[in-house]
Amino acid sequence: MKLIGAGSIFTLTLAGGILLMVSIGCGGSDAGCVGSVTYQGKSFEGKGKSADEAKNNACNVYCREADPEYDARYRIWLDSSKGKAAGSPSKQEAIFRDKELMLYVTETCAKKCVSTMDPSAVCK
């Protein structure tokens, strides 16, 4: 009797990693800092244990919700077979369905945001 296959273990590991990233990206329950970044008059906030983490998390929120390049990448992905097979999830959910979208948001876009958009943070 086969209980868990290699594919299931990989899927569970991937899901666990994504959940960890989400909890870090959302700041966790003991986040003492709140970061903020503004784009076109709209503010995006993120929490973190340090000022740098809070700024990065605010940029992650900006990237998912308002970055024009992420929006374009998301729309292209939605029209692809991968996006259709994933059930056409929202922009926020799509990063959990596609590794390339996740990497764009958490690496490329967030780093660019931190270095060029002057996010701020306030710590308790």
C-alpha atoms as a PDB file:
ATOM      1  CA  MET A   1       0.000   0.000   0.000  1.00  0.00           C
ATOM      2  CA  LYS A   2       1.519   3.295  -1.134  1.00  0.00           C
ATOM      3  CA  LEU A   3       0.856   6.119   1.314  1.00  0.00           C
ATOM      4  CA  ILE A   4       2.779   9.059  -0.098  1.00  0.00           C
ATOM      5  CA  GLY A   5       4.446   9.293  -3.508  1.00  0.00           C
ATOM      6  CA  ALA A   6       7.433  11.453  -4.443  1.00  0.00           C
ATOM      7  CA  GLY A   7       5.118  13.937  -6.178  1.00  0.00           C
ATOM      8  CA  SER A   8       3.044  14.308  -3.023  1.00  0.00           C
ATOM      9  CA  ILE A   9       6.118  14.940  -0.903  1.00  0.00           C
ATOM     10  CA  PHE A  10       7.310  17.582  -3.369  1.00  0.00           C
ATOM     11  CA  THR A  11       3.872  19.215  -3.365  1.00  0.00           C
ATOM     12  CA  LEU A  12       3.716  19.248   0.439  1.00  0.00           C
ATOM     13  CA  THR A  13       7.226  20.700   0.660  1.00  0.00           C
ATOM     14  CA  LEU A  14       6.384  23.381  -1.900  1.00  0.00           C
ATOM     15  CA  ALA A  15       3.133  24.252  -0.109  1.00  0.00           C
ATOM     16  CA  GLY A  16       4.947  24.449   3.233  1.00  0.00           C
ATOM     17  CA  GLY A  17       7.597  26.731   1.741  1.00  0.00           C
ATOM     18  CA  ILE A  18       4.956  29.001   0.261  1.00  0.00           C
ATOM     19  CA  LEU A  19       3.110  29.195   3.575  1.00  0.00           C
ATOM     20  CA  LEU A  20       6.369  30.130   5.285  1.00  0.00           C
ATOM     21  CA  MET A  21       6.967  32.874   2.720  1.00  0.00           C
ATOM     22  CA  VAL A  22       3.440  34.179   3.201  1.00  0.00           C
ATOM     23  CA  SER A  23       3.826  34.328   6.973  1.00  0.00           C
ATOM     24  CA  ILE A  24       7.143  36.128   6.559  1.00  0.00           C
ATOM     25  CA  GLY A  25       5.696  38.378   3.874  1.00  0.00           C
ATOM     26  CA  CYS A  26       2.784  39.295   6.091  1.00  0.00           C
ATOM     27  CA  GLY A  27       5.081  39.996   8.992  1.00  0.00           C
ATOM     28  CA  GLY A  28       3.986  37.273  11.356  1.00  0.00           C
ATOM     29  CA  SER A  29       2.220  37.824  14.646  1.00  0.00           C
ATOM     30  CA  ASP A  30       5.151  39.423  16.494  1.00  0.00           C
ATOM     31  CA  ALA A  31       5.972  42.029  13.858  1.00  0.00           C
ATOM     32  CA  GLY A  32       7.156  45.179  15.601  1.00  0.00           C
ATOM     33  CA  CYS A  33       7.617  47.388  12.543  1.00  0.00           C
ATOM     34  CA  VAL A  34       5.276  48.665   9.855  1.00  0.00           C
ATOM     35  CA  GLY A  35       6.674  49.602   6.473  1.00  0.00           C
ATOM     36  CA  SER A  36       5.016  51.844   3.946  1.00  0.00           C
ATOM     37  CA  VAL A  37       5.597  52.741   0.310  1.00  0.00           C
ATOM     38  CA  THR A  38       3.537  55.122  -1.815  1.00  0.00           C
ATOM     39  CA  TYR A  39       2.822  54.814  -5.521  1.00  0.00           C
ATOM     40  CA  GLN A  40       0.609  57.255  -7.417  1.00  0.00           C
ATOM     41  CA  GLY A  41      -0.836  58.555  -4.170  1.00  0.00           C
ATOM     42  CA  LYS A  42      -1.728  55.133  -2.757  1.00  0.00           C
ATOM     43  CA  SER A  43       0.077  53.697   0.265  1.00  0.00           C
ATOM     44  CA  PHE A  44       0.989  50.035   0.667  1.00  0.00           C
ATOM     45  CA  GLU A  45       1.888  48.622   4.084  1.00  0.00           C
ATOM     46  CA  GLY A  46       3.781  45.585   5.280  1.00  0.00           C
ATOM     47  CA  LYS A  47       4.868  44.372   8.714  1.00  0.00           C
ATOM     48  CA  GLY A  48       8.137  42.898   9.859  1.00  0.00           C
ATOM     49  CA  LYS A  49      10.391  42.227  12.828  1.00  0.00           C
ATOM     50  CA  SER A  50      12.850  44.886  11.612  1.00  0.00           C
ATOM     51  CA  ALA A  51      12.577  48.109   9.643  1.00  0.00           C
ATOM     52  CA  ASP A  52      14.223  46.501   6.602  1.00  0.00           C
ATOM     53  CA  GLU A  53      11.848  43.524   6.673  1.00  0.00           C
ATOM     54  CA  ALA A  54       8.823  45.828   7.015  1.00  0.00           C
ATOM     55  CA  LYS A  55       9.993  47.945   4.055  1.00  0.00           C
ATOM     56  CA  ASN A  56      10.519  44.825   1.950  1.00  0.00           C
ATOM     57  CA  ASN A  57       7.082  43.493   2.889  1.00  0.00           C
ATOM     58  CA  ALA A  58       5.464  46.825   1.988  1.00  0.00           C
ATOM     59  CA  CYS A  59       7.185  46.568  -1.387  1.00  0.00           C
ATOM     60  CA  ASN A  60       5.870  43.007  -1.804  1.00  0.00           C
ATOM     61  CA  VAL A  61       2.341  44.346  -1.299  1.00  0.00           C
ATOM     62  CA  TYR A  62       2.961  47.156  -3.799  1.00  0.00           C
ATOM     63  CA  CYS A  63       4.326  44.667  -6.335  1.00  0.00           C
ATOM     64  CA  ARG A  64       1.277  42.392  -6.096  1.00  0.00           C
ATOM     65  CA  GLU A  65      -1.282  45.172  -6.116  1.00  0.00           C
ATOM     66  CA  ALA A  66       0.065  48.019  -8.251  1.00  0.00           C
ATOM     67  CA  ASP A  67       3.304  47.270 -10.107  1.00  0.00           C
ATOM     68  CA  PRO A  68       2.619  47.718 -13.847  1.00  0.00           C
ATOM     69  CA  GLU A  69       5.142  45.043 -14.869  1.00  0.00           C
ATOM     70  CA  TYR A  70       3.680  42.461 -12.480  1.00  0.00           C
ATOM     71  CA  ASP A  71       0.238  43.300 -13.816  1.00  0.00           C
ATOM     72  CA  ALA A  72       1.443  42.681 -17.381  1.00  0.00           C
ATOM     73  CA  ARG A  73       3.205  39.436 -16.412  1.00  0.00           C
ATOM     74  CA  TYR A  74       0.080  38.269 -14.551  1.00  0.00           C
ATOM     75  CA  ARG A  75      -2.194  38.970 -17.530  1.00  0.00           C
ATOM     76  CA  ILE A  76       0.139  37.119 -19.910  1.00  0.00           C
ATOM     77  CA  TRP A  77       0.259  34.202 -17.470  1.00  0.00           C
ATOM     78  CA  LEU A  78      -3.548  34.178 -17.157  1.00  0.00           C
ATOM     79  CA  ASP A  79      -3.846  33.741 -20.920  1.00  0.00           C
ATOM     80  CA  SER A  80      -1.276  30.929 -20.923  1.00  0.00           C
ATOM     81  CA  SER A  81      -2.099  27.271 -20.533  1.00  0.00           C
ATOM     82  CA  LYS A  82      -0.573  27.392 -17.012  1.00  0.00           C
ATOM     83  CA  GLY A  83      -2.873  30.221 -15.948  1.00  0.00           C
ATOM     84  CA  LYS A  84      -5.935  28.572 -17.415  1.00  0.00           C
ATOM     85  CA  ALA A  85      -5.033  25.244 -15.803  1.00  0.00           C
ATOM     86  CA  ALA A  86      -4.676  27.040 -12.448  1.00  0.00           C
ATOM     87  CA  GLY A  87      -8.263  28.273 -12.730  1.00  0.00           C
ATOM     88  CA  SER A  88      -7.403  31.932 -13.453  1.00  0.00           C
ATOM     89  CA  PRO A  89      -6.638  32.958  -9.837  1.00  0.00           C
ATOM     90  CA  SER A  90      -6.434  36.565  -8.623  1.00  0.00           C
ATOM     91  CA  LYS A  91      -3.186  38.564  -8.832  1.00  0.00           C
ATOM     92  CA  GLN A  92      -2.531  37.829  -5.152  1.00  0.00           C
ATOM     93  CA  GLU A  93      -3.186  34.091  -5.498  1.00  0.00           C
ATOM     94  CA  ALA A  94      -1.283  33.704  -8.764  1.00  0.00           C
ATOM     95  CA  ILE A  95       2.114  34.026  -7.073  1.00  0.00           C
ATOM     96  CA  PHE A  96       1.349  30.832  -5.164  1.00  0.00           C
ATOM     97  CA  ARG A  97       0.478  29.015  -8.390  1.00  0.00           C
ATOM     98  CA  ASP A  98       3.480  30.078 -10.485  1.00  0.00           C
ATOM     99  CA  LYS A  99       7.109  30.113  -9.332  1.00  0.00           C
ATOM    100  CA  GLU A 100       8.164  32.729 -11.889  1.00  0.00           C
ATOM    101  CA  LEU A 101       5.485  35.177 -10.738  1.00  0.00           C
ATOM    102  CA  MET A 102       6.517  34.557  -7.110  1.00  0.00           C
ATOM    103  CA  LEU A 103      10.173  35.236  -7.904  1.00  0.00           C
ATOM    104  CA  TYR A 104       9.309  38.381  -9.828  1.00  0.00           C
ATOM    105  CA  VAL A 105       7.323  39.790  -6.891  1.00  0.00           C
ATOM    106  CA  THR A 106       9.609  38.755  -4.037  1.00  0.00           C
ATOM    107  CA  GLU A 107      12.960  39.229  -5.761  1.00  0.00           C
ATOM    108  CA  THR A 108      12.977  41.478  -8.817  1.00  0.00           C
ATOM    109  CA  CYS A 109      10.148  43.897  -8.075  1.00  0.00           C
ATOM    110  CA  ALA A 110      10.591  44.107  -4.298  1.00  0.00           C
ATOM    111  CA  LYS A 111      14.333  44.789  -4.605  1.00  0.00           C
ATOM    112  CA  LYS A 112      13.717  47.475  -7.215  1.00  0.00           C
ATOM    113  CA  CYS A 113      11.008  49.016  -5.023  1.00  0.00           C
ATOM    114  CA  VAL A 114      13.239  49.101  -1.941  1.00  0.00           C
ATOM    115  CA  SER A 115      16.087  50.706  -3.860  1.00  0.00           C
ATOM    116  CA  THR A 116      14.112  53.261  -5.892  1.00  0.00           C
ATOM    117  CA  MET A 117      10.786  54.035  -4.188  1.00  0.00           C
ATOM    118  CA  ASP A 118      12.091  55.103  -0.761  1.00  0.00           C
ATOM    119  CA  PRO A 119       9.867  53.006   1.516  1.00  0.00           C
ATOM    120  CA  SER A 120       9.723  54.007   5.183  1.00  0.00           C
ATOM    121  CA  ALA A 121       9.229  52.046   8.385  1.00  0.00           C
ATOM    122  CA  VAL A 122       8.142  52.780  11.933  1.00  0.00           C
ATOM    123  CA  CYS A 123       9.040  50.360  14.727  1.00  0.00           C
ATOM    124  CA  LYS A 124       7.491  50.007  18.194  1.00  0.00           C
END
